[in-house]
Amino acid sequence: MGRRVALVLAGVLVLVGCLGLLAAVPAVQRAVSPRAEPVPLPLRVPGPWYDQITVELTPGRYAIWATRPTRGPDRDRCRVTGPDGQPVPVREPGHRVDWVERATDDTLWAWASTFTATAPGSHRLSCRLDPDSPGQQYAVTREPDRRLLLRLRLARSRGLLVAALPAGLVVLVMTLTWRRRAD
C-alpha cells in the first residue's frame, strides 16, 4: 500500500511541476489572460507623499494597490471620496493578490482594497502611510478580472510549481528503487 501512495504522490508532483513549466510558456500566459498585469491609472499627487491622491474615474470597480509593506488586504488603509464629496464604501478584495510591475522597476504591489465608482469624475483618496516604510506608494487600477487574477497567481507561484517536478521525480526514483530492493 505504501508504494502505491508514493507512486501517486510522485505522479501528482510531476503533474504539478509540468503545469508550472506550462505556465511559463508565453502563449499559455496569453491564453489565461491577454493582459500581463493591471494598468495603473494616472494619479495626481499634490505633494511628495502618496497620502492624498486624486484620480479621474468612470463608473466601475477599482482596486487600490500599495507598495511596502505588503501585508495584504486592508480596507482601512485608504478612504475614498466621490466627485460629490460623499464617502465611497471601500472593502477588502477577499484574498491576497500580489503583482510585480514589470513596466517600471519591478515594484511589488499588494491589492489593499477595492471600491465601486458610481459617478464619473475626480475621486479623492486619503491613504495612510506607514512610518516604517519611506517611499510607500499607492496605485489605482480597474479591478482585475478572474483571468488576470489567475495569471498573477500563476506568475507568483510558478517557482514553487516547477520545483514540484524534480521532487516528484526523486520520489518516483526512490519508490522504484525501493520496490526493486524489496523484491
C-alpha atoms as a PDB file:
ATOM      1  CA  MET A   1       0.000   0.000   0.000  1.00  0.00           C
ATOM      2  CA  GLY A   2       2.866   2.427   0.786  1.00  0.00           C
ATOM      3  CA  ARG A   3       4.377   2.074  -2.683  1.00  0.00           C
ATOM      4  CA  ARG A   4       1.090   2.931  -4.358  1.00  0.00           C
ATOM      5  CA  VAL A   5       0.748   6.062  -2.259  1.00  0.00           C
ATOM      6  CA  ALA A   6       4.333   7.039  -3.093  1.00  0.00           C
ATOM      7  CA  LEU A   7       3.709   6.458  -6.810  1.00  0.00           C
ATOM      8  CA  VAL A   8       0.518   8.530  -6.698  1.00  0.00           C
ATOM      9  CA  LEU A   9       2.376  11.275  -4.818  1.00  0.00           C
ATOM     10  CA  ALA A  10       5.181  11.196  -7.397  1.00  0.00           C
ATOM     11  CA  GLY A  11       2.650  11.383 -10.234  1.00  0.00           C
ATOM     12  CA  VAL A  12       0.855  14.349  -8.673  1.00  0.00           C
ATOM     13  CA  LEU A  13       4.141  16.192  -8.056  1.00  0.00           C
ATOM     14  CA  VAL A  14       5.324  15.579 -11.619  1.00  0.00           C
ATOM     15  CA  LEU A  15       1.947  16.751 -12.981  1.00  0.00           C
ATOM     16  CA  VAL A  16       2.031  19.926 -10.861  1.00  0.00           C
ATOM     17  CA  GLY A  17       5.623  20.559 -11.979  1.00  0.00           C
ATOM     18  CA  CYS A  18       4.654  20.158 -15.623  1.00  0.00           C
ATOM     19  CA  LEU A  19       1.785  22.604 -15.108  1.00  0.00           C
ATOM     20  CA  GLY A  20       4.300  25.057 -13.625  1.00  0.00           C
ATOM     21  CA  LEU A  21       6.512  24.691 -16.695  1.00  0.00           C
ATOM     22  CA  LEU A  22       3.491  25.101 -18.938  1.00  0.00           C
ATOM     23  CA  ALA A  23       2.505  28.286 -17.075  1.00  0.00           C
ATOM     24  CA  ALA A  24       5.867  29.789 -18.066  1.00  0.00           C
ATOM     25  CA  VAL A  25       5.092  29.495 -21.794  1.00  0.00           C
ATOM     26  CA  PRO A  26       4.100  32.959 -23.123  1.00  0.00           C
ATOM     27  CA  ALA A  27       1.338  31.567 -25.363  1.00  0.00           C
ATOM     28  CA  VAL A  28      -0.249  29.831 -22.368  1.00  0.00           C
ATOM     29  CA  GLN A  29       0.058  33.007 -20.289  1.00  0.00           C
ATOM     30  CA  ARG A  30      -1.728  34.997 -23.017  1.00  0.00           C
ATOM     31  CA  ALA A  31      -4.425  32.319 -23.221  1.00  0.00           C
ATOM     32  CA  VAL A  32      -5.038  32.652 -19.469  1.00  0.00           C
ATOM     33  CA  SER A  33      -5.259  36.452 -19.779  1.00  0.00           C
ATOM     34  CA  PRO A  34      -4.196  38.721 -22.622  1.00  0.00           C
ATOM     35  CA  ARG A  35      -3.051  41.306 -20.062  1.00  0.00           C
ATOM     36  CA  ALA A  36       0.081  40.518 -18.062  1.00  0.00           C
ATOM     37  CA  GLU A  37      -0.652  42.964 -15.239  1.00  0.00           C
ATOM     38  CA  PRO A  38      -3.140  45.643 -14.157  1.00  0.00           C
ATOM     39  CA  VAL A  39      -2.769  49.048 -15.805  1.00  0.00           C
ATOM     40  CA  PRO A  40      -2.267  51.857 -13.268  1.00  0.00           C
ATOM     41  CA  LEU A  41      -4.385  54.932 -13.862  1.00  0.00           C
ATOM     42  CA  PRO A  42      -2.799  58.399 -13.869  1.00  0.00           C
ATOM     43  CA  LEU A  43      -2.808  59.871 -10.365  1.00  0.00           C
ATOM     44  CA  ARG A  44      -2.490  63.458  -9.223  1.00  0.00           C
ATOM     45  CA  VAL A  45      -0.336  63.603  -6.112  1.00  0.00           C
ATOM     46  CA  PRO A  46      -0.127  67.209  -4.838  1.00  0.00           C
ATOM     47  CA  GLY A  47       2.840  66.684  -2.513  1.00  0.00           C
ATOM     48  CA  PRO A  48       5.880  64.479  -2.086  1.00  0.00           C
ATOM     49  CA  TRP A  49       3.891  61.736  -0.304  1.00  0.00           C
ATOM     50  CA  TYR A  50       1.179  59.407  -1.550  1.00  0.00           C
ATOM     51  CA  ASP A  51      -1.219  60.200   1.288  1.00  0.00           C
ATOM     52  CA  GLN A  52      -3.562  62.454  -0.748  1.00  0.00           C
ATOM     53  CA  ILE A  53      -4.343  61.251  -4.271  1.00  0.00           C
ATOM     54  CA  THR A  54      -6.826  62.356  -6.919  1.00  0.00           C
ATOM     55  CA  VAL A  55      -7.787  60.151  -9.847  1.00  0.00           C
ATOM     56  CA  GLU A  56     -10.283  60.632 -12.697  1.00  0.00           C
ATOM     57  CA  LEU A  57     -12.653  57.654 -12.892  1.00  0.00           C
ATOM     58  CA  THR A  58     -15.593  56.463 -14.920  1.00  0.00           C
ATOM     59  CA  PRO A  59     -18.246  54.285 -13.262  1.00  0.00           C
ATOM     60  CA  GLY A  60     -16.892  50.820 -12.481  1.00  0.00           C
ATOM     61  CA  ARG A  61     -14.996  48.702  -9.973  1.00  0.00           C
ATOM     62  CA  TYR A  62     -11.472  49.710  -8.987  1.00  0.00           C
ATOM     63  CA  ALA A  63      -8.586  48.257  -6.983  1.00  0.00           C
ATOM     64  CA  ILE A  64      -6.212  50.154  -4.706  1.00  0.00           C
ATOM     65  CA  TRP A  65      -2.694  48.700  -4.613  1.00  0.00           C
ATOM     66  CA  ALA A  66       0.000  49.500  -2.038  1.00  0.00           C
ATOM     67  CA  THR A  67       3.739  49.033  -2.069  1.00  0.00           C
ATOM     68  CA  ARG A  68       5.602  48.029   1.079  1.00  0.00           C
ATOM     69  CA  PRO A  69       4.656  46.797   3.487  1.00  0.00           C
ATOM     70  CA  THR A  70       2.715  44.203   1.552  1.00  0.00           C
ATOM     71  CA  ARG A  71       0.691  42.661   4.332  1.00  0.00           C
ATOM     72  CA  GLY A  72      -2.266  42.127   2.065  1.00  0.00           C
ATOM     73  CA  PRO A  73      -5.855  43.340   2.100  1.00  0.00           C
ATOM     74  CA  ASP A  74      -6.612  46.322   4.345  1.00  0.00           C
ATOM     75  CA  ARG A  75      -9.822  48.230   3.668  1.00  0.00           C
ATOM     76  CA  ASP A  76      -8.944  50.821   6.302  1.00  0.00           C
ATOM     77  CA  ARG A  77      -5.714  51.868   4.568  1.00  0.00           C
ATOM     78  CA  CYS A  78      -7.439  54.334   2.190  1.00  0.00           C
ATOM     79  CA  ARG A  79     -10.632  56.368   2.335  1.00  0.00           C
ATOM     80  CA  VAL A  80     -12.271  57.302  -0.970  1.00  0.00           C
ATOM     81  CA  THR A  81     -14.404  60.369  -1.594  1.00  0.00           C
ATOM     82  CA  GLY A  82     -16.534  60.652  -4.741  1.00  0.00           C
ATOM     83  CA  PRO A  83     -16.867  63.693  -7.006  1.00  0.00           C
ATOM     84  CA  ASP A  84     -19.895  64.810  -4.959  1.00  0.00           C
ATOM     85  CA  GLY A  85     -17.813  64.893  -1.755  1.00  0.00           C
ATOM     86  CA  GLN A  86     -19.562  61.822  -0.302  1.00  0.00           C
ATOM     87  CA  PRO A  87     -17.588  58.844   1.031  1.00  0.00           C
ATOM     88  CA  VAL A  88     -17.376  55.811  -1.240  1.00  0.00           C
ATOM     89  CA  PRO A  89     -17.515  52.426   0.556  1.00  0.00           C
ATOM     90  CA  VAL A  90     -14.185  50.597   0.462  1.00  0.00           C
ATOM     91  CA  ARG A  91     -13.935  46.841   1.002  1.00  0.00           C
ATOM     92  CA  GLU A  92     -11.237  44.192   1.100  1.00  0.00           C
ATOM     93  CA  PRO A  93     -10.744  42.134  -2.054  1.00  0.00           C
ATOM     94  CA  GLY A  94     -11.305  38.919  -0.072  1.00  0.00           C
ATOM     95  CA  HIS A  95      -7.947  37.341  -0.870  1.00  0.00           C
ATOM     96  CA  ARG A  96      -4.322  38.315  -1.140  1.00  0.00           C
ATOM     97  CA  VAL A  97      -3.059  39.178  -4.599  1.00  0.00           C
ATOM     98  CA  ASP A  98       0.420  40.498  -5.366  1.00  0.00           C
ATOM     99  CA  TRP A  99       1.623  41.939  -8.635  1.00  0.00           C
ATOM    100  CA  VAL A 100       5.142  42.751  -9.804  1.00  0.00           C
ATOM    101  CA  GLU A 101       5.029  45.758 -12.123  1.00  0.00           C
ATOM    102  CA  ARG A 102       7.478  44.951 -14.915  1.00  0.00           C
ATOM    103  CA  ALA A 103       6.933  48.243 -16.776  1.00  0.00           C
ATOM    104  CA  THR A 104       8.856  50.246 -14.185  1.00  0.00           C
ATOM    105  CA  ASP A 105      11.322  48.856 -11.683  1.00  0.00           C
ATOM    106  CA  ASP A 106       9.754  45.528 -10.678  1.00  0.00           C
ATOM    107  CA  THR A 107       7.771  47.178  -7.895  1.00  0.00           C
ATOM    108  CA  LEU A 108       5.848  44.688  -5.754  1.00  0.00           C
ATOM    109  CA  TRP A 109       2.242  45.782  -5.261  1.00  0.00           C
ATOM    110  CA  ALA A 110      -0.312  44.230  -2.892  1.00  0.00           C
ATOM    111  CA  TRP A 111      -4.029  44.593  -3.545  1.00  0.00           C
ATOM    112  CA  ALA A 112      -5.111  46.532  -0.451  1.00  0.00           C
ATOM    113  CA  SER A 113      -8.770  47.299  -1.125  1.00  0.00           C
ATOM    114  CA  THR A 114     -11.447  47.744  -3.737  1.00  0.00           C
ATOM    115  CA  PHE A 115     -14.301  50.183  -4.333  1.00  0.00           C
ATOM    116  CA  THR A 116     -17.007  50.980  -6.869  1.00  0.00           C
ATOM    117  CA  ALA A 117     -17.189  54.377  -8.530  1.00  0.00           C
ATOM    118  CA  THR A 118     -20.819  55.131  -9.286  1.00  0.00           C
ATOM    119  CA  ALA A 119     -20.309  58.565 -10.848  1.00  0.00           C
ATOM    120  CA  PRO A 120     -17.687  59.841 -13.289  1.00  0.00           C
ATOM    121  CA  GLY A 121     -15.218  62.470 -12.144  1.00  0.00           C
ATOM    122  CA  SER A 122     -12.433  63.180  -9.692  1.00  0.00           C
ATOM    123  CA  HIS A 123     -12.232  60.772  -6.797  1.00  0.00           C
ATOM    124  CA  ARG A 124     -10.020  61.646  -3.841  1.00  0.00           C
ATOM    125  CA  LEU A 125      -8.112  59.019  -1.885  1.00  0.00           C
ATOM    126  CA  SER A 126      -6.755  59.704   1.577  1.00  0.00           C
ATOM    127  CA  CYS A 127      -4.315  56.937   2.360  1.00  0.00           C
ATOM    128  CA  ARG A 128      -2.390  56.026   5.493  1.00  0.00           C
ATOM    129  CA  LEU A 129       1.373  55.892   5.164  1.00  0.00           C
ATOM    130  CA  ASP A 130       3.377  53.527   7.347  1.00  0.00           C
ATOM    131  CA  PRO A 131       6.126  55.363   9.249  1.00  0.00           C
ATOM    132  CA  ASP A 132       8.455  52.357   8.828  1.00  0.00           C
ATOM    133  CA  SER A 133       8.131  52.434   5.030  1.00  0.00           C
ATOM    134  CA  PRO A 134       9.598  55.544   3.460  1.00  0.00           C
ATOM    135  CA  GLY A 135       8.696  55.814  -0.194  1.00  0.00           C
ATOM    136  CA  GLN A 136       5.439  53.896   0.134  1.00  0.00           C
ATOM    137  CA  GLN A 137       3.171  54.405  -2.866  1.00  0.00           C
ATOM    138  CA  TYR A 138      -0.365  53.648  -3.989  1.00  0.00           C
ATOM    139  CA  ALA A 139      -1.819  52.830  -7.394  1.00  0.00           C
ATOM    140  CA  VAL A 140      -5.387  52.614  -8.674  1.00  0.00           C
ATOM    141  CA  THR A 141      -6.370  50.188 -11.437  1.00  0.00           C
ATOM    142  CA  ARG A 142      -9.542  48.684 -12.773  1.00  0.00           C
ATOM    143  CA  GLU A 143     -10.440  45.728 -10.583  1.00  0.00           C
ATOM    144  CA  PRO A 144      -8.709  42.663 -12.079  1.00  0.00           C
ATOM    145  CA  ASP A 145     -10.975  40.087 -13.675  1.00  0.00           C
ATOM    146  CA  ARG A 146     -10.707  36.394 -12.798  1.00  0.00           C
ATOM    147  CA  ARG A 147      -8.438  35.602 -15.741  1.00  0.00           C
ATOM    148  CA  LEU A 148      -5.939  38.295 -14.810  1.00  0.00           C
ATOM    149  CA  LEU A 149      -6.060  37.185 -11.162  1.00  0.00           C
ATOM    150  CA  LEU A 150      -5.255  33.622 -12.239  1.00  0.00           C
ATOM    151  CA  ARG A 151      -2.334  34.838 -14.355  1.00  0.00           C
ATOM    152  CA  LEU A 152      -0.971  36.930 -11.456  1.00  0.00           C
ATOM    153  CA  ARG A 153      -1.250  33.971  -9.062  1.00  0.00           C
ATOM    154  CA  LEU A 154       0.461  31.615 -11.518  1.00  0.00           C
ATOM    155  CA  ALA A 155       3.282  34.117 -12.015  1.00  0.00           C
ATOM    156  CA  ARG A 156       3.832  34.454  -8.252  1.00  0.00           C
ATOM    157  CA  SER A 157       3.783  30.697  -7.589  1.00  0.00           C
ATOM    158  CA  ARG A 158       5.473  29.430 -10.760  1.00  0.00           C
ATOM    159  CA  GLY A 159       8.770  28.680  -8.955  1.00  0.00           C
ATOM    160  CA  LEU A 160       7.027  26.533  -6.380  1.00  0.00           C
ATOM    161  CA  LEU A 161       5.053  24.729  -9.064  1.00  0.00           C
ATOM    162  CA  VAL A 162       8.166  23.998 -11.131  1.00  0.00           C
ATOM    163  CA  ALA A 163      10.015  22.782  -8.009  1.00  0.00           C
ATOM    164  CA  ALA A 164       7.400  20.034  -7.692  1.00  0.00           C
ATOM    165  CA  LEU A 165       8.742  18.393 -10.877  1.00  0.00           C
ATOM    166  CA  PRO A 166      12.167  17.362  -9.558  1.00  0.00           C
ATOM    167  CA  ALA A 167      10.618  16.490  -6.185  1.00  0.00           C
ATOM    168  CA  GLY A 168       8.187  14.154  -7.942  1.00  0.00           C
ATOM    169  CA  LEU A 169      10.978  12.579  -9.971  1.00  0.00           C
ATOM    170  CA  VAL A 170      13.008  11.987  -6.794  1.00  0.00           C
ATOM    171  CA  VAL A 171      10.023  10.332  -5.111  1.00  0.00           C
ATOM    172  CA  LEU A 172       9.443   8.219  -8.223  1.00  0.00           C
ATOM    173  CA  VAL A 173      13.091   7.064  -8.430  1.00  0.00           C
ATOM    174  CA  MET A 174      13.193   6.322  -4.698  1.00  0.00           C
ATOM    175  CA  THR A 175       9.942   4.362  -4.889  1.00  0.00           C
ATOM    176  CA  LEU A 176      11.080   2.323  -7.891  1.00  0.00           C
ATOM    177  CA  THR A 177      14.433   1.647  -6.213  1.00  0.00           C
ATOM    178  CA  TRP A 178      12.630   0.692  -3.021  1.00  0.00           C
ATOM    179  CA  ARG A 179      10.440  -1.708  -4.993  1.00  0.00           C
ATOM    180  CA  ARG A 180      13.441  -3.452  -6.584  1.00  0.00           C
ATOM    181  CA  ARG A 181      15.171  -3.910  -3.241  1.00  0.00           C
ATOM    182  CA  ALA A 182      12.020  -5.322  -1.668  1.00  0.00           C
ATOM    183  CA  ASP A 183      11.717  -7.892  -4.499  1.00  0.00           C
END
